[in-house]
PDB file of N, CA and C in Angstrom:
ATOM      1  N   VAL A   1      89.931  88.368 101.712  1.00  0.00           N
ATOM      2  CA  VAL A   1      89.350  88.587 100.399  1.00  0.00           C
ATOM      3  C   VAL A   1      88.512  89.358 100.047  1.00  0.00           C
ATOM      4  N   TYR A   2      88.434  89.727  98.806  1.00  0.00           N
ATOM      5  CA  TYR A   2      87.505  90.690  98.273  1.00  0.00           C
ATOM      6  C   TYR A   2      86.837  90.015  96.884  1.00  0.00           C
ATOM      7  N   LEU A   3      85.782  90.428  96.899  1.00  0.00           N
ATOM      8  CA  LEU A   3      84.971  90.203  95.671  1.00  0.00           C
ATOM      9  C   LEU A   3      84.637  91.563  94.780  1.00  0.00           C
ATOM     10  N   VAL A   4      84.845  91.274  93.541  1.00  0.00           N
ATOM     11  CA  VAL A   4      84.597  92.454  92.789  1.00  0.00           C
ATOM     12  C   VAL A   4      83.745  92.234  91.668  1.00  0.00           C
ATOM     13  N   PRO A   5      82.494  92.625  91.304  1.00  0.00           N
ATOM     14  CA  PRO A   5      81.819  92.434  89.989  1.00  0.00           C
ATOM     15  C   PRO A   5      82.463  93.166  88.907  1.00  0.00           C
ATOM     16  N   ARG A   6      82.696  92.342  87.994  1.00  0.00           N
ATOM     17  CA  ARG A   6      82.942  92.966  86.717  1.00  0.00           C
ATOM     18  C   ARG A   6      82.058  93.154  85.492  1.00  0.00           C
ATOM     19  N   PRO A   7      82.047  94.385  84.668  1.00  0.00           N
ATOM     20  CA  PRO A   7      81.112  94.745  84.038  1.00  0.00           C
ATOM     21  C   PRO A   7      80.633  93.498  82.881  1.00  0.00           C
ATOM     22  N   SER A   8      81.523  92.523  82.910  1.00  0.00           N
ATOM     23  CA  SER A   8      81.714  91.472  81.721  1.00  0.00           C
ATOM     24  C   SER A   8      80.376  90.390  82.659  1.00  0.00           C
ATOM     25  N   GLY A   9      80.303  90.415  83.815  1.00  0.00           N
ATOM     26  CA  GLY A   9      79.601  89.597  84.547  1.00  0.00           C
ATOM     27  C   GLY A   9      80.304  88.665  85.278  1.00  0.00           C
ATOM     28  N   GLU A  10      81.611  88.532  85.089  1.00  0.00           N
ATOM     29  CA  GLU A  10      82.506  87.771  86.027  1.00  0.00           C
ATOM     30  C   GLU A  10      82.341  88.553  87.443  1.00  0.00           C
ATOM     31  N   LEU A  11      83.155  87.564  88.238  1.00  0.00           N
ATOM     32  CA  LEU A  11      83.236  88.031  89.740  1.00  0.00           C
ATOM     33  C   LEU A  11      84.670  87.814  90.018  1.00  0.00           C
ATOM     34  N   LEU A  12      85.383  88.902  90.445  1.00  0.00           N
ATOM     35  CA  LEU A  12      86.887  88.758  90.596  1.00  0.00           C
ATOM     36  C   LEU A  12      86.898  88.595  91.945  1.00  0.00           C
ATOM     37  N   VAL A  13      87.604  87.562  92.388  1.00  0.00           N
ATOM     38  CA  VAL A  13      88.055  87.125  93.839  1.00  0.00           C
ATOM     39  C   VAL A  13      89.398  87.297  94.015  1.00  0.00           C
ATOM     40  N   GLY A  14      89.599  88.002  95.081  1.00  0.00           N
ATOM     41  CA  GLY A  14      91.317  88.225  95.339  1.00  0.00           C
ATOM     42  C   GLY A  14      91.581  88.512  96.771  1.00  0.00           C
ATOM     43  N   ALA A  15      92.810  88.691  97.235  1.00  0.00           N
ATOM     44  CA  ALA A  15      93.904  88.714  96.744  1.00  0.00           C
ATOM     45  C   ALA A  15      94.701  87.695  97.474  1.00  0.00           C
ATOM     46  N   THR A  16      95.962  87.213  97.056  1.00  0.00           N
ATOM     47  CA  THR A  16      96.924  86.419  97.872  1.00  0.00           C
ATOM     48  C   THR A  16      98.115  87.061  97.918  1.00  0.00           C
ATOM     49  N   VAL A  17      99.152  86.654  99.031  1.00  0.00           N
ATOM     50  CA  VAL A  17     100.415  86.998  98.725  1.00  0.00           C
ATOM     51  C   VAL A  17     101.179  85.728  99.145  1.00  0.00           C
ATOM     52  N   GLU A  18     101.855  85.128  98.255  1.00  0.00           N
ATOM     53  CA  GLU A  18     102.858  83.986  98.669  1.00  0.00           C
ATOM     54  C   GLU A  18     104.204  84.399  98.287  1.00  0.00           C
ATOM     55  N   ARG A  19     104.910  83.682  99.036  1.00  0.00           N
ATOM     56  CA  ARG A  19     106.491  84.045  98.734  1.00  0.00           C
ATOM     57  C   ARG A  19     106.885  82.674  97.967  1.00  0.00           C
ATOM     58  N   VAL A  20     106.920  82.578  96.712  1.00  0.00           N
ATOM     59  CA  VAL A  20     107.335  81.624  96.167  1.00  0.00           C
ATOM     60  C   VAL A  20     108.393  81.824  95.075  1.00  0.00           C
ATOM     61  N   GLY A  21     109.002  82.832  95.020  1.00  0.00           N
ATOM     62  CA  GLY A  21     110.075  83.246  94.272  1.00  0.00           C
ATOM     63  C   GLY A  21     109.363  83.644  92.832  1.00  0.00           C
ATOM     64  N   PHE A  22     110.136  83.282  91.790  1.00  0.00           N
ATOM     65  CA  PHE A  22     109.521  83.773  90.633  1.00  0.00           C
ATOM     66  C   PHE A  22     108.845  82.421  90.110  1.00  0.00           C
ATOM     67  N   GLN A  23     108.244  81.787  90.639  1.00  0.00           N
ATOM     68  CA  GLN A  23     107.412  80.564  90.142  1.00  0.00           C
ATOM     69  C   GLN A  23     106.571  81.000  89.000  1.00  0.00           C
ATOM     70  N   GLY A  24     105.984  82.131  89.047  1.00  0.00           N
ATOM     71  CA  GLY A  24     104.857  82.498  87.737  1.00  0.00           C
ATOM     72  C   GLY A  24     103.771  81.793  87.663  1.00  0.00           C
ATOM     73  N   ALA A  25     103.118  81.343  88.772  1.00  0.00           N
ATOM     74  CA  ALA A  25     101.824  80.586  88.763  1.00  0.00           C
ATOM     75  C   ALA A  25     101.084  80.803  90.180  1.00  0.00           C
ATOM     76  N   VAL A  26      99.976  80.709  89.986  1.00  0.00           N
ATOM     77  CA  VAL A  26      98.985  80.631  91.366  1.00  0.00           C
ATOM     78  C   VAL A  26      99.083  79.063  91.710  1.00  0.00           C
ATOM     79  N   THR A  27      99.216  79.021  93.104  1.00  0.00           N
ATOM     80  CA  THR A  27      99.386  77.854  93.551  1.00  0.00           C
ATOM     81  C   THR A  27      97.883  77.142  94.075  1.00  0.00           C
ATOM     82  N   ALA A  28      97.476  75.876  94.043  1.00  0.00           N
ATOM     83  CA  ALA A  28      96.309  75.401  94.183  1.00  0.00           C
ATOM     84  C   ALA A  28      95.949  75.608  95.937  1.00  0.00           C
ATOM     85  N   LYS A  29      96.897  75.940  96.722  1.00  0.00           N
ATOM     86  CA  LYS A  29      96.633  76.397  98.213  1.00  0.00           C
ATOM     87  C   LYS A  29      96.231  77.771  98.097  1.00  0.00           C
ATOM     88  N   ALA A  30      96.573  78.505  97.337  1.00  0.00           N
ATOM     89  CA  ALA A  30      95.955  79.723  97.473  1.00  0.00           C
ATOM     90  C   ALA A  30      94.863  80.140  96.831  1.00  0.00           C
ATOM     91  N   ILE A  31      94.473  79.241  95.605  1.00  0.00           N
ATOM     92  CA  ILE A  31      93.210  79.093  95.206  1.00  0.00           C
ATOM     93  C   ILE A  31      92.251  78.758  96.100  1.00  0.00           C
ATOM     94  N   ALA A  32      92.503  77.439  96.568  1.00  0.00           N
ATOM     95  CA  ALA A  32      91.880  76.955  97.935  1.00  0.00           C
ATOM     96  C   ALA A  32      91.280  77.719  98.836  1.00  0.00           C
ATOM     97  N   GLY A  33      92.458  78.591  99.501  1.00  0.00           N
ATOM     98  CA  GLY A  33      92.210  79.794 100.530  1.00  0.00           C
ATOM     99  C   GLY A  33      90.979  80.694 100.013  1.00  0.00           C
ATOM    100  N   LEU A  34      91.299  81.234  98.660  1.00  0.00           N
ATOM    101  CA  LEU A  34      90.324  82.273  98.116  1.00  0.00           C
ATOM    102  C   LEU A  34      88.965  81.623  98.033  1.00  0.00           C
ATOM    103  N   LEU A  35      89.065  80.757  97.394  1.00  0.00           N
ATOM    104  CA  LEU A  35      87.358  79.790  97.238  1.00  0.00           C
ATOM    105  C   LEU A  35      86.776  79.849  98.719  1.00  0.00           C
ATOM    106  N   ARG A  36      87.576  79.239  99.864  1.00  0.00           N
ATOM    107  CA  ARG A  36      87.018  79.153 100.991  1.00  0.00           C
ATOM    108  C   ARG A  36      86.485  80.332 101.592  1.00  0.00           C
ATOM    109  N   ALA A  37      87.269  81.366 101.526  1.00  0.00           N
ATOM    110  CA  ALA A  37      86.902  82.529 102.058  1.00  0.00           C
ATOM    111  C   ALA A  37      85.699  83.114 101.267  1.00  0.00           C
ATOM    112  N   ALA A  38      85.649  83.089  99.865  1.00  0.00           N
ATOM    113  CA  ALA A  38      84.570  83.810  99.079  1.00  0.00           C
ATOM    114  C   ALA A  38      83.329  82.849  99.328  1.00  0.00           C
ATOM    115  N   LEU A  39      83.363  81.668  99.678  1.00  0.00           N
ATOM    116  CA  LEU A  39      82.193  80.927  99.720  1.00  0.00           C
ATOM    117  C   LEU A  39      81.668  81.022 101.169  1.00  0.00           C
ATOM    118  N   GLU A  40      82.454  81.446 102.270  1.00  0.00           N
ATOM    119  CA  GLU A  40      82.084  81.733 103.466  1.00  0.00           C
ATOM    120  C   GLU A  40      81.050  83.071 103.532  1.00  0.00           C
ATOM    121  N   LEU A  41      81.448  84.035 102.401  1.00  0.00           N
ATOM    122  CA  LEU A  41      80.605  85.177 102.365  1.00  0.00           C
ATOM    123  C   LEU A  41      79.588  84.998 101.629  1.00  0.00           C
ATOM    124  N   VAL A  42      79.602  84.331 100.503  1.00  0.00           N
ATOM    125  CA  VAL A  42      78.424  84.001  99.512  1.00  0.00           C
ATOM    126  C   VAL A  42      78.445  82.620  99.095  1.00  0.00           C
ATOM    127  N   PRO A  43      77.740  81.808  99.607  1.00  0.00           N
ATOM    128  CA  PRO A  43      77.603  80.416  99.558  1.00  0.00           C
ATOM    129  C   PRO A  43      77.140  80.061  98.115  1.00  0.00           C
ATOM    130  N   ALA A  44      76.372  80.971  97.452  1.00  0.00           N
ATOM    131  CA  ALA A  44      75.788  80.615  96.137  1.00  0.00           C
ATOM    132  C   ALA A  44      76.982  80.724  95.115  1.00  0.00           C
ATOM    133  N   LEU A  45      77.956  81.120  95.515  1.00  0.00           N
ATOM    134  CA  LEU A  45      79.383  81.043  94.443  1.00  0.00           C
ATOM    135  C   LEU A  45      79.824  79.696  94.083  1.00  0.00           C
ATOM    136  N   SER A  46      79.193  78.836  94.808  1.00  0.00           N
ATOM    137  CA  SER A  46      79.700  77.286  94.770  1.00  0.00           C
ATOM    138  C   SER A  46      79.286  76.939  93.476  1.00  0.00           C
ATOM    139  N   ASP A  47      78.415  77.210  92.802  1.00  0.00           N
ATOM    140  CA  ASP A  47      77.696  76.573  91.357  1.00  0.00           C
ATOM    141  C   ASP A  47      78.521  77.572  90.323  1.00  0.00           C
ATOM    142  N   LEU A  48      79.241  78.571  90.608  1.00  0.00           N
ATOM    143  CA  LEU A  48      79.584  79.124  89.416  1.00  0.00           C
ATOM    144  C   LEU A  48      81.109  78.516  88.887  1.00  0.00           C
ATOM    145  N   PRO A  49      81.449  78.703  87.436  1.00  0.00           N
ATOM    146  CA  PRO A  49      82.718  78.245  87.231  1.00  0.00           C
ATOM    147  C   PRO A  49      83.828  79.054  87.405  1.00  0.00           C
ATOM    148  N   ILE A  50      85.288  78.576  87.436  1.00  0.00           N
ATOM    149  CA  ILE A  50      86.222  79.426  87.533  1.00  0.00           C
ATOM    150  C   ILE A  50      86.603  79.621  86.008  1.00  0.00           C
ATOM    151  N   SER A  51      86.568  81.068  85.575  1.00  0.00           N
ATOM    152  CA  SER A  51      87.055  81.045  84.207  1.00  0.00           C
ATOM    153  C   SER A  51      88.540  81.263  83.880  1.00  0.00           C
ATOM    154  N   ARG A  52      89.407  81.754  85.006  1.00  0.00           N
ATOM    155  CA  ARG A  52      90.772  82.046  84.842  1.00  0.00           C
ATOM    156  C   ARG A  52      91.420  82.232  85.975  1.00  0.00           C
ATOM    157  N   THR A  53      92.480  82.238  86.299  1.00  0.00           N
ATOM    158  CA  THR A  53      93.604  82.810  87.351  1.00  0.00           C
ATOM    159  C   THR A  53      94.724  83.505  86.682  1.00  0.00           C
ATOM    160  N   TRP A  54      95.232  84.385  87.649  1.00  0.00           N
ATOM    161  CA  TRP A  54      96.389  85.345  86.997  1.00  0.00           C
ATOM    162  C   TRP A  54      97.293  85.548  88.186  1.00  0.00           C
ATOM    163  N   TYR A  55      98.480  85.944  88.100  1.00  0.00           N
ATOM    164  CA  TYR A  55      99.474  86.167  89.094  1.00  0.00           C
ATOM    165  C   TYR A  55      99.989  87.665  88.911  1.00  0.00           C
ATOM    166  N   GLY A  56     100.840  88.181  89.790  1.00  0.00           N
ATOM    167  CA  GLY A  56     101.403  89.310  89.622  1.00  0.00           C
ATOM    168  C   GLY A  56     102.446  89.171  90.658  1.00  0.00           C
ATOM    169  N   PHE A  57     103.991  89.926  90.310  1.00  0.00           N
ATOM    170  CA  PHE A  57     104.860  90.025  91.492  1.00  0.00           C
ATOM    171  C   PHE A  57     104.611  91.187  92.125  1.00  0.00           C
ATOM    172  N   ARG A  58     104.905  91.027  93.435  1.00  0.00           N
ATOM    173  CA  ARG A  58     104.718  92.370  94.180  1.00  0.00           C
ATOM    174  C   ARG A  58     106.036  92.579  94.817  1.00  0.00           C
ATOM    175  N   PRO A  59     106.826  93.353  94.245  1.00  0.00           N
ATOM    176  CA  PRO A  59     108.334  93.645  94.517  1.00  0.00           C
ATOM    177  C   PRO A  59     108.346  94.503  95.747  1.00  0.00           C
ATOM    178  N   TRP A  60     109.072  94.274  96.796  1.00  0.00           N
ATOM    179  CA  TRP A  60     109.329  94.886  98.047  1.00  0.00           C
ATOM    180  C   TRP A  60     110.578  94.789  98.513  1.00  0.00           C
ATOM    181  N   ALA A  61     110.935  95.643  99.218  1.00  0.00           N
ATOM    182  CA  ALA A  61     112.577  95.969  99.883  1.00  0.00           C
ATOM    183  C   ALA A  61     112.544  95.285 101.137  1.00  0.00           C
ATOM    184  N   PRO A  62     113.702  94.845 101.869  1.00  0.00           N
ATOM    185  CA  PRO A  62     114.000  94.077 102.876  1.00  0.00           C
ATOM    186  C   PRO A  62     113.583  95.174 104.248  1.00  0.00           C
ATOM    187  N   ASP A  63     113.448  96.395 103.879  1.00  0.00           N
ATOM    188  CA  ASP A  63     112.858  97.400 105.097  1.00  0.00           C
ATOM    189  C   ASP A  63     111.318  97.658 104.963  1.00  0.00           C
ATOM    190  N   SER A  64     110.743  96.785 103.826  1.00  0.00           N
ATOM    191  CA  SER A  64     109.129  97.106 103.626  1.00  0.00           C
ATOM    192  C   SER A  64     108.853  98.480 103.263  1.00  0.00           C
ATOM    193  N   LEU A  65     109.981  99.306 102.867  1.00  0.00           N
ATOM    194  CA  LEU A  65     109.570 100.679 102.521  1.00  0.00           C
ATOM    195  C   LEU A  65     109.728 100.784 100.784  1.00  0.00           C
ATOM    196  N   PRO A  66     109.012 101.596 100.274  1.00  0.00           N
ATOM    197  CA  PRO A  66     109.359 101.833  98.816  1.00  0.00           C
ATOM    198  C   PRO A  66     110.824 102.405  98.521  1.00  0.00           C
ATOM    199  N   VAL A  67     110.967 102.164  97.302  1.00  0.00           N
ATOM    200  CA  VAL A  67     112.603 102.519  96.856  1.00  0.00           C
ATOM    201  C   VAL A  67     112.148 103.524  95.928  1.00  0.00           C
ATOM    202  N   LEU A  68     112.629 104.877  96.150  1.00  0.00           N
ATOM    203  CA  LEU A  68     112.214 106.076  95.230  1.00  0.00           C
ATOM    204  C   LEU A  68     113.488 106.882  95.136  1.00  0.00           C
ATOM    205  N   GLY A  69     113.831 107.377  93.803  1.00  0.00           N
ATOM    206  CA  GLY A  69     114.812 108.376  93.641  1.00  0.00           C
ATOM    207  C   GLY A  69     115.807 107.895  92.821  1.00  0.00           C
ATOM    208  N   PRO A  70     116.982 108.486  92.687  1.00  0.00           N
ATOM    209  CA  PRO A  70     118.156 108.579  91.682  1.00  0.00           C
ATOM    210  C   PRO A  70     118.850 107.289  92.170  1.00  0.00           C
ATOM    211  N   TRP A  71     118.883 106.355  91.223  1.00  0.00           N
ATOM    212  CA  TRP A  71     120.052 105.034  91.537  1.00  0.00           C
ATOM    213  C   TRP A  71     121.472 105.322  91.809  1.00  0.00           C
ATOM    214  N   PRO A  72     122.226 105.306  92.892  1.00  0.00           N
ATOM    215  CA  PRO A  72     123.561 105.514  93.003  1.00  0.00           C
ATOM    216  C   PRO A  72     124.429 105.139  91.848  1.00  0.00           C
ATOM    217  N   GLY A  73     125.210 106.180  91.447  1.00  0.00           N
ATOM    218  CA  GLY A  73     126.204 105.513  90.424  1.00  0.00           C
ATOM    219  C   GLY A  73     125.733 105.330  88.968  1.00  0.00           C
ATOM    220  N   VAL A  74     124.566 105.667  88.651  1.00  0.00           N
ATOM    221  CA  VAL A  74     124.004 105.603  87.349  1.00  0.00           C
ATOM    222  C   VAL A  74     123.261 106.827  86.954  1.00  0.00           C
ATOM    223  N   GLU A  75     123.997 107.536  86.362  1.00  0.00           N
ATOM    224  CA  GLU A  75     123.374 109.019  85.925  1.00  0.00           C
ATOM    225  C   GLU A  75     122.158 108.886  84.955  1.00  0.00           C
ATOM    226  N   GLY A  76     121.084 109.388  85.590  1.00  0.00           N
ATOM    227  CA  GLY A  76     120.148 109.642  84.972  1.00  0.00           C
ATOM    228  C   GLY A  76     119.015 108.361  85.255  1.00  0.00           C
ATOM    229  N   LEU A  77     119.406 107.575  86.055  1.00  0.00           N
ATOM    230  CA  LEU A  77     118.518 106.454  86.256  1.00  0.00           C
ATOM    231  C   LEU A  77     117.712 106.619  87.688  1.00  0.00           C
ATOM    232  N   TRP A  78     116.399 106.597  87.522  1.00  0.00           N
ATOM    233  CA  TRP A  78     115.361 106.805  88.776  1.00  0.00           C
ATOM    234  C   TRP A  78     114.599 105.710  88.702  1.00  0.00           C
ATOM    235  N   VAL A  79     114.367 105.456  89.901  1.00  0.00           N
ATOM    236  CA  VAL A  79     113.487 104.182  90.635  1.00  0.00           C
ATOM    237  C   VAL A  79     112.265 104.710  91.297  1.00  0.00           C
ATOM    238  N   ALA A  80     111.261 103.902  91.161  1.00  0.00           N
ATOM    239  CA  ALA A  80     110.127 104.000  92.003  1.00  0.00           C
ATOM    240  C   ALA A  80     109.486 102.377  91.845  1.00  0.00           C
ATOM    241  N   THR A  81     110.004 101.694  93.025  1.00  0.00           N
ATOM    242  CA  THR A  81     109.424 100.442  92.934  1.00  0.00           C
ATOM    243  C   THR A  81     109.287 100.054  94.465  1.00  0.00           C
ATOM    244  N   ALA A  82     109.066  98.689  94.604  1.00  0.00           N
ATOM    245  CA  ALA A  82     109.029  98.052  95.989  1.00  0.00           C
ATOM    246  C   ALA A  82     108.012  98.442  96.886  1.00  0.00           C
ATOM    247  N   HIS A  83     106.582  98.858  96.105  1.00  0.00           N
ATOM    248  CA  HIS A  83     105.480  99.231  97.093  1.00  0.00           C
ATOM    249  C   HIS A  83     104.665  98.123  97.351  1.00  0.00           C
ATOM    250  N   PHE A  84     105.118  96.928  97.354  1.00  0.00           N
ATOM    251  CA  PHE A  84     104.457  95.594  97.726  1.00  0.00           C
ATOM    252  C   PHE A  84     103.200  95.587  97.168  1.00  0.00           C
ATOM    253  N   ARG A  85     102.033  95.427  97.965  1.00  0.00           N
ATOM    254  CA  ARG A  85     100.778  95.172  97.695  1.00  0.00           C
ATOM    255  C   ARG A  85     100.092  96.689  97.649  1.00  0.00           C
ATOM    256  N   SER A  86     100.608  97.858  97.941  1.00  0.00           N
ATOM    257  CA  SER A  86     100.157  98.845  97.819  1.00  0.00           C
ATOM    258  C   SER A  86     100.578  99.868  96.597  1.00  0.00           C
ATOM    259  N   GLY A  87     100.910  99.155  95.508  1.00  0.00           N
ATOM    260  CA  GLY A  87     101.600  99.732  94.236  1.00  0.00           C
ATOM    261  C   GLY A  87     100.491 100.556  93.552  1.00  0.00           C
ATOM    262  N   ILE A  88      99.151  99.945  93.447  1.00  0.00           N
ATOM    263  CA  ILE A  88      98.158 100.696  92.773  1.00  0.00           C
ATOM    264  C   ILE A  88      97.610 101.875  93.680  1.00  0.00           C
ATOM    265  N   LEU A  89      97.537 101.762  94.985  1.00  0.00           N
ATOM    266  CA  LEU A  89      96.911 102.604  95.974  1.00  0.00           C
ATOM    267  C   LEU A  89      98.028 103.975  95.966  1.00  0.00           C
ATOM    268  N   LEU A  90      99.334 103.583  95.882  1.00  0.00           N
ATOM    269  CA  LEU A  90     100.072 104.595  96.047  1.00  0.00           C
ATOM    270  C   LEU A  90     100.708 105.276  94.608  1.00  0.00           C
ATOM    271  N   ALA A  91     100.290 104.673  93.484  1.00  0.00           N
ATOM    272  CA  ALA A  91     100.749 105.203  92.235  1.00  0.00           C
ATOM    273  C   ALA A  91     100.377 106.704  91.975  1.00  0.00           C
ATOM    274  N   PRO A  92      99.326 107.143  92.458  1.00  0.00           N
ATOM    275  CA  PRO A  92      99.107 108.566  91.924  1.00  0.00           C
ATOM    276  C   PRO A  92     100.233 109.455  92.747  1.00  0.00           C
ATOM    277  N   ILE A  93     100.341 109.408  94.078  1.00  0.00           N
ATOM    278  CA  ILE A  93     101.201 110.101  95.018  1.00  0.00           C
ATOM    279  C   ILE A  93     102.658 110.027  94.310  1.00  0.00           C
ATOM    280  N   THR A  94     103.034 108.456  94.193  1.00  0.00           N
ATOM    281  CA  THR A  94     104.178 108.308  93.685  1.00  0.00           C
ATOM    282  C   THR A  94     104.717 109.101  92.357  1.00  0.00           C
ATOM    283  N   ALA A  95     103.844 109.057  91.418  1.00  0.00           N
ATOM    284  CA  ALA A  95     103.730 109.926  90.060  1.00  0.00           C
ATOM    285  C   ALA A  95     104.023 111.229  90.330  1.00  0.00           C
ATOM    286  N   ARG A  96     103.300 111.759  91.468  1.00  0.00           N
ATOM    287  CA  ARG A  96     103.413 113.218  91.655  1.00  0.00           C
ATOM    288  C   ARG A  96     104.687 113.437  92.179  1.00  0.00           C
ATOM    289  N   LEU A  97     105.083 112.659  93.130  1.00  0.00           N
ATOM    290  CA  LEU A  97     106.363 113.051  93.689  1.00  0.00           C
ATOM    291  C   LEU A  97     107.433 112.794  92.756  1.00  0.00           C
ATOM    292  N   MET A  98     107.555 111.700  92.125  1.00  0.00           N
ATOM    293  CA  MET A  98     108.568 111.533  91.050  1.00  0.00           C
ATOM    294  C   MET A  98     108.767 112.576  90.210  1.00  0.00           C
ATOM    295  N   THR A  99     107.626 112.995  89.460  1.00  0.00           N
ATOM    296  CA  THR A  99     107.606 114.008  88.543  1.00  0.00           C
ATOM    297  C   THR A  99     107.952 115.000  88.790  1.00  0.00           C
ATOM    298  N   SER A 100     107.693 115.655  90.089  1.00  0.00           N
ATOM    299  CA  SER A 100     108.100 116.925  90.638  1.00  0.00           C
ATOM    300  C   SER A 100     109.668 116.743  90.886  1.00  0.00           C
ATOM    301  N   TRP A 101     110.154 115.755  91.498  1.00  0.00           N
ATOM    302  CA  TRP A 101     111.528 115.522  91.892  1.00  0.00           C
ATOM    303  C   TRP A 101     112.355 115.512  90.393  1.00  0.00           C
ATOM    304  N   ILE A 102     112.124 114.983  89.436  1.00  0.00           N
ATOM    305  CA  ILE A 102     112.920 114.944  88.179  1.00  0.00           C
ATOM    306  C   ILE A 102     112.934 116.336  87.651  1.00  0.00           C
ATOM    307  N   THR A 103     111.610 116.809  87.477  1.00  0.00           N
ATOM    308  CA  THR A 103     111.529 118.120  86.558  1.00  0.00           C
ATOM    309  C   THR A 103     111.955 119.381  87.385  1.00  0.00           C
ATOM    310  N   ALA A 104     111.693 119.359  88.696  1.00  0.00           N
ATOM    311  CA  ALA A 104     111.941 120.706  89.368  1.00  0.00           C
ATOM    312  C   ALA A 104     113.114 120.482  90.287  1.00  0.00           C
ATOM    313  N   GLY A 105     113.533 119.130  90.595  1.00  0.00           N
ATOM    314  CA  GLY A 105     114.667 118.789  91.584  1.00  0.00           C
ATOM    315  C   GLY A 105     114.273 118.968  92.950  1.00  0.00           C
ATOM    316  N   LYS A 106     112.900 118.780  93.301  1.00  0.00           N
ATOM    317  CA  LYS A 106     112.408 118.723  94.555  1.00  0.00           C
ATOM    318  C   LYS A 106     111.310 117.584  94.762  1.00  0.00           C
ATOM    319  N   PRO A 107     111.563 116.665  95.714  1.00  0.00           N
ATOM    320  CA  PRO A 107     110.040 115.789  95.537  1.00  0.00           C
ATOM    321  C   PRO A 107     109.088 116.346  96.407  1.00  0.00           C
ATOM    322  N   GLY A 108     109.233 117.094  97.129  1.00  0.00           N
ATOM    323  CA  GLY A 108     108.033 117.936  97.675  1.00  0.00           C
ATOM    324  C   GLY A 108     107.710 117.452  99.127  1.00  0.00           C
ATOM    325  N   MET A 109     108.440 116.360  99.548  1.00  0.00           N
ATOM    326  CA  MET A 109     108.595 116.009 100.952  1.00  0.00           C
ATOM    327  C   MET A 109     109.956 115.314 101.361  1.00  0.00           C
ATOM    328  N   ASP A 110     110.138 114.897 102.719  1.00  0.00           N
ATOM    329  CA  ASP A 110     111.279 114.271 102.895  1.00  0.00           C
ATOM    330  C   ASP A 110     111.286 112.863 102.573  1.00  0.00           C
ATOM    331  N   VAL A 111     112.181 112.643 101.501  1.00  0.00           N
ATOM    332  CA  VAL A 111     112.339 110.944 100.912  1.00  0.00           C
ATOM    333  C   VAL A 111     113.677 110.287 101.626  1.00  0.00           C
ATOM    334  N   ARG A 112     114.083 110.868 102.445  1.00  0.00           N
ATOM    335  CA  ARG A 112     115.450 110.091 103.034  1.00  0.00           C
ATOM    336  C   ARG A 112     115.100 108.591 103.512  1.00  0.00           C
ATOM    337  N   ASP A 113     113.990 108.238 103.977  1.00  0.00           N
ATOM    338  CA  ASP A 113     113.766 106.835 104.299  1.00  0.00           C
ATOM    339  C   ASP A 113     113.521 105.997 102.996  1.00  0.00           C
ATOM    340  N   PHE A 114     113.354 106.632 102.023  1.00  0.00           N
ATOM    341  CA  PHE A 114     113.081 105.954 100.633  1.00  0.00           C
ATOM    342  C   PHE A 114     114.201 105.936  99.670  1.00  0.00           C
ATOM    343  N   LEU A 115     115.199 106.507  99.697  1.00  0.00           N
ATOM    344  CA  LEU A 115     116.077 106.497  98.989  1.00  0.00           C
ATOM    345  C   LEU A 115     116.800 105.245  98.712  1.00  0.00           C
ATOM    346  N   PRO A 116     117.301 104.785  97.306  1.00  0.00           N
ATOM    347  CA  PRO A 116     117.771 103.734  96.989  1.00  0.00           C
ATOM    348  C   PRO A 116     119.212 103.346  97.588  1.00  0.00           C
ATOM    349  N   ASP A 117     120.130 104.451  98.035  1.00  0.00           N
ATOM    350  CA  ASP A 117     121.154 104.561  98.785  1.00  0.00           C
ATOM    351  C   ASP A 117     121.184 103.928 100.079  1.00  0.00           C
ATOM    352  N   ARG A 118     119.860 103.807 100.869  1.00  0.00           N
ATOM    353  CA  ARG A 118     120.048 103.352 102.164  1.00  0.00           C
ATOM    354  C   ARG A 118     120.477 101.905 102.280  1.00  0.00           C
ATOM    355  N   PHE A 119     120.278 101.029 101.225  1.00  0.00           N
ATOM    356  CA  PHE A 119     120.858  99.815 101.359  1.00  0.00           C
ATOM    357  C   PHE A 119     122.430  99.646 101.324  1.00  0.00           C
ATOM    358  N   VAL A 120     123.178 100.853 100.607  1.00  0.00           N
ATOM    359  CA  VAL A 120     124.587 100.914 100.557  1.00  0.00           C
ATOM    360  C   VAL A 120     125.214 101.554 101.825  1.00  0.00           C
ATOM    361  N   ARG A 121     124.297 102.436 102.267  1.00  0.00           N
ATOM    362  CA  ARG A 121     124.841 103.366 103.604  1.00  0.00           C
ATOM    363  C   ARG A 121     124.575 102.890 104.769  1.00  0.00           C
ATOM    364  N   GLY A 122     123.666 101.876 104.741  1.00  0.00           N
ATOM    365  CA  GLY A 122     123.094 101.206 106.046  1.00  0.00           C
ATOM    366  C   GLY A 122     122.026 101.729 106.799  1.00  0.00           C
TER     367      GLY A 122
END
């Protein structure tokens, strides 16, 4: 669990990972788990209201690696996805890599393990 004070005075409590498909909602079980963990850290939070909840999808690939590069068979289509829960953390390096790769033709590192065609070639 993490607790992040916001400038608005709210306290952000997060985060969860649930495999619920495209349900598009936070489950009561997830909220209960976050609340339990947050209250263990700061018992005084028990008197605060819950103002809102939200969810986001965390795309991932079957091999747990990001998918980066040109999409096979579709000219001009590039992807940078499947970072799972590290998307925000990896966004700057992914942007730099993709920008270099698309504009200069070189990604600047060995990207064989991340290519989209790895699922086709096995």
